[in-house]
Amino acid sequence: GLGEVSNAKLLRLHAIFTEVKEKFGTRDKLIAAIGELEHRAPGDQRLASWPVPRLFDHYKAAKKRAARAQAAKG
């Protein structure tokens, strides 16, 4: 349970969930944003099975990749 989780990890999880809620509102909107960045078909089941912290880390990495690709084009 949560009694065995370190405070640092709990604070990190709280920060992630707070940021996801502010930026996207729901988990489904976060998955849709990842799909949009990576040009995936809507309803990708692989992403739907991931936990929110992993999705958010993946979103940040995809955003960086998209920015680098855009900079290389232009």
Protein backbone atom coordinates (compact mmCIF):
# COMPACT_ATOMS: atom_id res chain seq x y z
CA GLY A 1 0.00 0.00 0.00
CA LEU A 2 0.88 3.64 0.18
CA GLY A 3 2.39 3.23 3.64
CA GLU A 4 5.46 1.59 2.13
CA VAL A 5 6.04 4.14 -0.65
CA SER A 6 8.66 6.81 -0.07
CA ASN A 7 7.58 10.41 0.35
CA ALA A 8 9.73 11.48 -2.60
CA LYS A 9 7.91 9.07 -4.90
CA LEU A 10 4.52 10.21 -3.59
CA LEU A 11 5.45 13.84 -4.20
CA ARG A 12 6.61 13.02 -7.75
CA LEU A 13 3.36 11.18 -8.48
CA HIS A 14 1.31 14.05 -7.08
CA ALA A 15 3.19 16.54 -9.26
CA ILE A 16 2.68 14.39 -12.36
CA PHE A 17 -1.04 13.85 -11.78
CA THR A 18 -1.54 17.55 -11.03
CA GLU A 19 0.23 18.62 -14.22
CA VAL A 20 -1.65 16.07 -16.34
CA LYS A 21 -4.96 17.24 -14.90
CA GLU A 22 -4.11 20.91 -15.59
CA LYS A 23 -2.82 20.37 -19.14
CA PHE A 24 -5.13 17.64 -20.40
CA GLY A 25 -7.96 17.15 -17.94
CA THR A 26 -8.27 13.41 -18.48
CA ARG A 27 -6.07 10.43 -19.21
CA ASP A 28 -7.82 9.90 -22.55
CA LYS A 29 -6.92 13.41 -23.67
CA LEU A 30 -3.28 12.72 -22.76
CA ILE A 31 -3.35 9.57 -24.89
CA ALA A 32 -4.92 11.56 -27.74
CA ALA A 33 -2.18 14.20 -27.46
CA ILE A 34 0.50 11.49 -27.72
CA GLY A 35 -1.25 10.04 -30.74
CA GLU A 36 -1.37 13.44 -32.37
CA LEU A 37 2.35 14.05 -31.80
CA GLU A 38 3.31 10.62 -33.11
CA HIS A 39 0.75 10.55 -35.94
CA ARG A 40 -0.90 7.41 -34.58
CA ALA A 41 -4.36 6.15 -35.29
CA PRO A 42 -6.90 7.09 -32.60
CA GLY A 43 -7.60 4.41 -30.01
CA ASP A 44 -4.12 2.88 -29.77
CA GLN A 45 -4.62 0.06 -27.26
CA ARG A 46 -0.93 -0.19 -26.35
CA LEU A 47 -0.96 3.27 -24.80
CA ALA A 48 -4.27 2.66 -23.05
CA SER A 49 -2.69 -0.03 -20.88
CA TRP A 50 0.11 2.25 -19.59
CA PRO A 51 -0.09 4.08 -16.23
CA VAL A 52 -0.37 7.88 -16.23
CA PRO A 53 3.24 8.60 -15.14
CA ARG A 54 4.60 6.49 -17.98
CA LEU A 55 2.22 8.15 -20.45
CA PHE A 56 3.30 11.60 -19.31
CA ASP A 57 6.99 10.73 -19.64
CA HIS A 58 6.27 9.36 -23.12
CA TYR A 59 4.38 12.56 -24.01
CA LYS A 60 7.31 14.75 -22.94
CA ALA A 61 9.76 12.63 -24.99
CA ALA A 62 7.47 12.69 -28.04
CA LYS A 63 7.13 16.46 -27.74
CA LYS A 64 10.93 16.83 -27.72
CA ARG A 65 11.25 14.54 -30.76
CA ALA A 66 8.61 16.53 -32.63
CA ALA A 67 10.38 19.81 -31.83
CA ARG A 68 13.71 18.45 -33.06
CA ALA A 69 12.11 17.17 -36.27
CA GLN A 70 10.45 20.54 -36.83
CA ALA A 71 13.76 22.35 -36.29
CA ALA A 72 15.52 20.03 -38.74
CA LYS A 73 12.90 20.75 -41.42
CA GLY A 74 12.85 24.46 -41.09
